[in-house]
Amino acid sequence: MFFLGFARDIMAEAIERVHTGIPGLDHVLEGGFPKGARVLLAGGAGCGKTICCGQYLYKGATRYGEAGVYVSTEEPPQEFNANMLRFGWDFKKLQTEKKIGMVDAVYQRTESESAEQESLQSILYNLRSKLAEVKILVEQLGATRLVVDSLPGFGFRVTDLNTLREIFLEVGLLLKDVGCTTLMTTEIVEGSGLISRYGIEEFLATGVMVLALVRQSSPIRKLYVRKMRGTSHSLNDFAFTIGHDGVELKGPIGVRSASRQRRLHSPRRKRGSRR
């Protein structure tokens, strides 16, 4: 047992880690995301995926001196900037300082909406053009952090599964090529039984974290690390909150602390007895 534990410690030290910027999460992930990891954030609408991504980029640029690039397929970057200001995260200022870059890929959605049917060749041509823009910006800024929000946005209105696979293959090749530590988001469709919208996105990832908003008598947000390559992570659900300073991971849900377990299982002394 000693040698197994020693081997795990050696492996953990050998893997360079990237701070998540989310209080509590680094501890769960043995110090942070593995450098160069491609991490999928999966969850339903309103569970905090975009806020996690914004926090990862903002803290990286302001606290750890790591430039980042945000690729948006869901909303124009100016809307993202405005939404992040509620946490005091001024992305427009960081853009001016060349610490953050923005790539607007929302145009592909509007073009797809206007065309009833688009050939695979045309889709891939437009996609490659946009991905080339991402690569150039990463190189110009020396960015080590990348966010793609969201992956399904690249396949908007595409119904053919083979076409979707081609699209995600192109995105996956870019992510490997740029070598950034990347967060990607995808939506979980309620009742589908999948952990991503199309059931394909997770195959681009070396790590998967599932976020959920559980509506009970008192709604609770929770995070579950489904996989993280090179990391011995907890399999517990963790509660998290979204406050004025962003996302903060709390303790595991439904798991008692070791000290409390000892108290519960230790024999009770009779009243008046001495140790």
Protein backbone atom coordinates (compact mmCIF):
# COMPACT_ATOMS: atom_id res chain seq x y z
CA MET A 1 0.00 0.00 0.00
CA PHE A 2 2.88 2.33 0.82
CA PHE A 3 4.47 1.82 -2.61
CA LEU A 4 1.13 2.35 -4.40
CA GLY A 5 0.59 5.61 -2.57
CA PHE A 6 4.19 6.66 -3.25
CA ALA A 7 3.74 5.92 -6.97
CA ARG A 8 0.57 8.03 -7.10
CA ASP A 9 2.40 10.93 -5.45
CA ILE A 10 5.21 10.71 -8.02
CA MET A 11 2.70 10.71 -10.91
CA ALA A 12 0.82 13.69 -9.44
CA GLU A 13 4.07 15.67 -9.15
CA ALA A 14 5.12 14.76 -12.71
CA ILE A 15 2.00 16.31 -14.26
CA GLU A 16 2.12 20.09 -14.51
CA ARG A 17 -1.10 21.68 -13.28
CA VAL A 18 -3.04 24.78 -14.36
CA HIS A 19 -4.97 26.62 -11.67
CA THR A 20 -8.71 26.63 -12.33
CA GLY A 21 -9.35 29.98 -10.64
CA ILE A 22 -12.33 28.42 -8.86
CA PRO A 23 -11.91 28.18 -5.06
CA GLY A 24 -12.05 24.56 -3.92
CA LEU A 25 -11.71 22.97 -7.35
CA ASP A 26 -7.90 22.84 -7.47
CA HIS A 27 -7.95 20.73 -4.30
CA VAL A 28 -10.33 18.21 -5.91
CA LEU A 29 -8.13 18.01 -9.03
CA GLU A 30 -4.77 17.50 -7.28
CA GLY A 31 -3.74 21.09 -7.92
CA GLY A 32 -5.70 22.02 -11.05
CA PHE A 33 -6.32 20.92 -14.63
CA PRO A 34 -3.49 18.90 -16.20
CA LYS A 35 -1.58 21.25 -18.49
CA GLY A 36 -2.82 20.89 -22.06
CA ALA A 37 -6.04 19.16 -20.98
CA ARG A 38 -9.25 19.55 -22.95
CA VAL A 39 -12.02 19.68 -20.36
CA LEU A 40 -15.70 19.44 -21.24
CA LEU A 41 -18.16 21.26 -18.98
CA ALA A 42 -21.54 19.59 -19.48
CA GLY A 43 -24.81 20.74 -17.99
CA GLY A 44 -28.29 22.10 -18.54
CA ALA A 45 -29.21 25.72 -19.14
CA GLY A 46 -28.48 28.06 -16.24
CA CYS A 47 -26.15 25.76 -14.30
CA GLY A 48 -23.11 28.08 -14.50
CA LYS A 49 -20.99 26.76 -17.38
CA THR A 50 -20.22 30.13 -18.96
CA ILE A 51 -19.46 31.71 -15.57
CA CYS A 52 -16.94 28.92 -14.86
CA CYS A 53 -15.32 29.61 -18.23
CA GLY A 54 -15.19 33.35 -17.63
CA GLN A 55 -13.68 32.85 -14.19
CA TYR A 56 -11.06 30.48 -15.57
CA LEU A 57 -9.96 33.03 -18.16
CA TYR A 58 -10.19 36.13 -15.95
CA LYS A 59 -8.28 34.65 -13.00
CA GLY A 60 -5.73 33.22 -15.40
CA ALA A 61 -5.05 36.65 -16.90
CA THR A 62 -5.15 38.72 -13.68
CA ARG A 63 -3.81 36.34 -11.03
CA TYR A 64 -1.55 33.87 -12.85
CA GLY A 65 -0.28 35.96 -15.77
CA GLU A 66 -1.67 33.59 -18.41
CA ALA A 67 -3.31 35.05 -21.51
CA GLY A 68 -6.45 33.41 -22.84
CA VAL A 69 -8.83 33.30 -25.80
CA TYR A 70 -12.62 33.07 -25.62
CA VAL A 71 -14.49 31.58 -28.61
CA SER A 72 -18.22 32.23 -28.55
CA THR A 73 -20.79 30.42 -30.69
CA GLU A 74 -23.81 31.21 -28.50
CA GLU A 75 -23.76 34.96 -27.85
CA PRO A 76 -21.80 37.93 -29.24
CA PRO A 77 -18.64 38.67 -27.21
CA GLN A 78 -20.03 42.07 -26.14
CA GLU A 79 -22.90 40.30 -24.37
CA PHE A 80 -20.43 37.99 -22.64
CA ASN A 81 -18.38 41.02 -21.55
CA ALA A 82 -21.47 42.74 -20.14
CA ASN A 83 -22.57 39.61 -18.24
CA MET A 84 -19.13 39.12 -16.69
CA LEU A 85 -19.08 42.69 -15.35
CA ARG A 86 -21.58 41.63 -12.66
CA PHE A 87 -18.64 39.83 -11.01
CA GLY A 88 -16.28 42.77 -11.54
CA TRP A 89 -14.49 40.98 -14.39
CA ASP A 90 -13.63 43.62 -16.99
CA PHE A 91 -12.85 41.60 -20.11
CA LYS A 92 -12.92 44.66 -22.36
CA LYS A 93 -10.00 46.10 -20.36
CA LEU A 94 -8.12 42.81 -20.62
CA GLN A 95 -8.65 42.82 -24.39
CA THR A 96 -7.12 46.31 -24.57
CA GLU A 97 -4.16 45.06 -22.54
CA LYS A 98 -3.73 42.07 -24.94
CA LYS A 99 -4.30 39.59 -22.12
CA ILE A 100 -7.58 38.22 -23.50
CA GLY A 101 -8.69 37.64 -27.09
CA MET A 102 -12.24 37.19 -28.36
CA VAL A 103 -13.40 35.24 -31.41
CA ASP A 104 -17.00 35.75 -32.54
CA ALA A 105 -18.24 32.51 -34.13
CA VAL A 106 -21.91 33.38 -33.71
CA TYR A 107 -21.98 34.41 -37.37
CA GLN A 108 -22.04 30.76 -38.37
CA ARG A 109 -25.39 30.36 -36.60
CA THR A 110 -26.97 33.28 -38.44
CA GLU A 111 -25.61 32.06 -41.79
CA SER A 112 -26.96 28.57 -41.13
CA GLU A 113 -30.35 30.01 -40.20
CA SER A 114 -30.60 31.79 -43.55
CA ALA A 115 -29.66 28.71 -45.55
CA GLU A 116 -32.04 25.78 -45.56
CA GLN A 117 -29.33 23.38 -46.59
CA GLU A 118 -25.59 23.84 -46.67
CA SER A 119 -23.09 21.41 -48.15
CA LEU A 120 -20.54 19.73 -45.91
CA GLN A 121 -17.77 21.32 -47.99
CA SER A 122 -19.18 24.80 -47.40
CA ILE A 123 -19.66 24.16 -43.65
CA LEU A 124 -16.09 22.87 -43.26
CA TYR A 125 -14.66 25.76 -45.32
CA ASN A 126 -16.30 28.34 -43.06
CA LEU A 127 -15.36 26.37 -39.96
CA ARG A 128 -11.70 26.05 -40.94
CA SER A 129 -11.56 29.76 -41.64
CA LYS A 130 -12.87 30.55 -38.19
CA LEU A 131 -10.59 28.00 -36.49
CA ALA A 132 -7.59 29.50 -38.31
CA GLU A 133 -8.57 32.83 -36.76
CA VAL A 134 -8.54 31.20 -33.33
CA LYS A 135 -5.07 29.72 -33.89
CA ILE A 136 -3.62 33.04 -35.09
CA LEU A 137 -5.01 34.87 -32.05
CA VAL A 138 -3.64 32.23 -29.66
CA GLU A 139 -0.19 32.64 -31.23
CA GLN A 140 -0.33 36.45 -31.21
CA LEU A 141 -1.21 36.63 -27.52
CA GLY A 142 0.92 33.69 -26.45
CA ALA A 143 -2.28 32.33 -24.92
CA THR A 144 -2.15 29.20 -22.79
CA ARG A 145 -5.84 29.17 -21.88
CA LEU A 146 -8.70 28.65 -24.33
CA VAL A 147 -12.48 28.48 -23.95
CA VAL A 148 -14.95 27.23 -26.56
CA ASP A 149 -18.50 28.16 -25.52
CA SER A 150 -20.13 26.10 -26.84
CA LEU A 151 -19.25 23.07 -28.98
CA PRO A 152 -22.85 22.41 -30.16
CA GLY A 153 -22.91 25.95 -31.56
CA PHE A 154 -20.55 24.83 -34.33
CA GLY A 155 -23.11 22.24 -35.43
CA PHE A 156 -26.17 24.46 -35.17
CA ARG A 157 -29.04 23.20 -37.37
CA VAL A 158 -26.90 20.30 -38.64
CA THR A 159 -28.90 17.10 -38.31
CA ASP A 160 -26.68 14.60 -40.11
CA LEU A 161 -24.55 12.70 -37.59
CA ASN A 162 -21.68 12.14 -40.02
CA THR A 163 -21.50 15.87 -40.72
CA LEU A 164 -21.43 16.57 -36.98
CA ARG A 165 -18.58 14.12 -36.56
CA GLU A 166 -16.62 15.91 -39.30
CA ILE A 167 -17.24 19.27 -37.62
CA PHE A 168 -16.13 18.07 -34.19
CA LEU A 169 -13.11 16.32 -35.73
CA GLU A 170 -11.97 19.66 -37.17
CA VAL A 171 -12.44 21.36 -33.81
CA GLY A 172 -10.58 18.55 -32.05
CA LEU A 173 -7.62 18.85 -34.42
CA LEU A 174 -7.36 22.57 -33.67
CA LEU A 175 -7.48 22.01 -29.91
CA LYS A 176 -4.65 19.49 -30.11
CA ASP A 177 -2.65 21.75 -32.41
CA VAL A 178 -2.74 24.90 -30.26
CA GLY A 179 -1.88 22.97 -27.10
CA CYS A 180 -3.78 25.26 -24.72
CA THR A 181 -5.46 24.07 -21.54
CA THR A 182 -9.01 24.27 -22.86
CA LEU A 183 -12.50 24.43 -21.41
CA MET A 184 -15.36 23.48 -23.74
CA THR A 185 -19.06 23.60 -22.93
CA THR A 186 -21.99 21.50 -24.07
CA GLU A 187 -25.62 21.27 -23.12
CA ILE A 188 -27.23 18.23 -21.55
CA VAL A 189 -30.71 17.67 -22.94
CA GLU A 190 -33.00 16.68 -20.08
CA GLY A 191 -34.25 13.10 -20.39
CA SER A 192 -31.78 12.17 -23.17
CA GLY A 193 -29.61 10.00 -20.93
CA LEU A 194 -26.49 11.58 -22.53
CA ILE A 195 -23.82 13.75 -20.93
CA SER A 196 -23.62 15.98 -24.02
CA ARG A 197 -26.03 17.32 -26.59
CA TYR A 198 -24.96 14.99 -29.41
CA GLY A 199 -23.16 12.23 -27.53
CA ILE A 200 -19.99 13.08 -29.48
CA GLU A 201 -18.45 16.03 -27.64
CA GLU A 202 -16.98 14.01 -24.76
CA PHE A 203 -14.72 12.15 -27.20
CA LEU A 204 -12.82 15.40 -27.82
CA ALA A 205 -12.11 15.73 -24.11
CA THR A 206 -9.46 14.40 -21.75
CA GLY A 207 -11.63 15.50 -18.84
CA VAL A 208 -15.38 15.81 -18.24
CA MET A 209 -17.11 17.74 -15.46
CA VAL A 210 -20.90 17.64 -15.13
CA LEU A 211 -22.74 20.63 -13.65
CA ALA A 212 -26.36 20.51 -12.52
CA LEU A 213 -29.00 22.66 -10.88
CA VAL A 214 -31.11 20.39 -8.70
CA ARG A 215 -34.54 21.84 -7.94
CA GLN A 216 -35.61 20.59 -4.54
CA SER A 217 -37.30 22.38 -1.65
CA SER A 218 -34.07 24.37 -1.63
CA PRO A 219 -32.38 24.43 -5.08
CA ILE A 220 -28.74 23.33 -5.08
CA ARG A 221 -25.98 23.51 -7.67
CA LYS A 222 -23.63 20.56 -7.89
CA LEU A 223 -20.51 19.53 -9.80
CA TYR A 224 -19.26 16.03 -10.54
CA VAL A 225 -15.87 15.18 -12.06
CA ARG A 226 -16.69 12.29 -14.36
CA LYS A 227 -13.16 11.88 -15.67
CA MET A 228 -9.86 13.76 -15.62
CA ARG A 229 -6.90 12.09 -17.26
CA GLY A 230 -3.82 11.81 -15.06
CA THR A 231 -5.78 12.78 -11.94
CA SER A 232 -6.93 10.75 -8.96
CA HIS A 233 -10.08 12.78 -8.31
CA SER A 234 -13.00 12.33 -5.97
CA LEU A 235 -16.14 10.62 -7.29
CA ASN A 236 -18.40 12.67 -5.02
CA ASP A 237 -20.88 15.33 -6.06
CA PHE A 238 -19.75 18.72 -4.80
CA ALA A 239 -22.06 21.60 -4.00
CA PHE A 240 -21.07 24.96 -5.47
CA THR A 241 -22.38 28.49 -5.23
CA ILE A 242 -22.41 31.47 -7.58
CA GLY A 243 -21.91 34.70 -5.65
CA HIS A 244 -20.53 38.19 -6.18
CA ASP A 245 -17.04 36.76 -6.72
CA GLY A 246 -18.12 33.99 -9.08
CA VAL A 247 -18.14 30.23 -8.58
CA GLU A 248 -16.93 28.61 -5.35
CA LEU A 249 -16.83 24.88 -4.70
CA LYS A 250 -18.16 23.76 -1.33
CA GLY A 251 -17.99 20.37 0.38
CA PRO A 252 -19.11 17.00 -0.99
CA ILE A 253 -22.84 16.30 -0.94
CA GLY A 254 -24.06 13.51 1.32
CA VAL A 255 -20.59 12.58 2.59
CA ARG A 256 -19.78 12.97 6.27
CA SER A 257 -16.38 14.22 7.32
CA ALA A 258 -13.98 11.66 8.79
CA SER A 259 -14.07 13.35 12.20
CA ARG A 260 -17.86 13.27 12.29
CA GLN A 261 -17.87 9.60 11.28
CA ARG A 262 -15.53 8.80 14.17
CA ARG A 263 -17.78 10.63 16.61
CA LEU A 264 -20.86 8.80 15.34
CA HIS A 265 -19.27 5.37 15.56
CA SER A 266 -17.29 5.76 18.80
CA PRO A 267 -18.89 4.15 21.91
CA ARG A 268 -20.69 6.62 24.13
CA ARG A 269 -19.50 6.98 27.70
CA LYS A 270 -22.03 6.60 30.46
CA ARG A 271 -22.97 9.78 32.28
CA GLY A 272 -20.63 10.37 35.22
CA SER A 273 -18.00 7.88 34.05
CA ARG A 274 -14.34 8.81 33.85
CA ARG A 275 -11.81 8.12 31.10
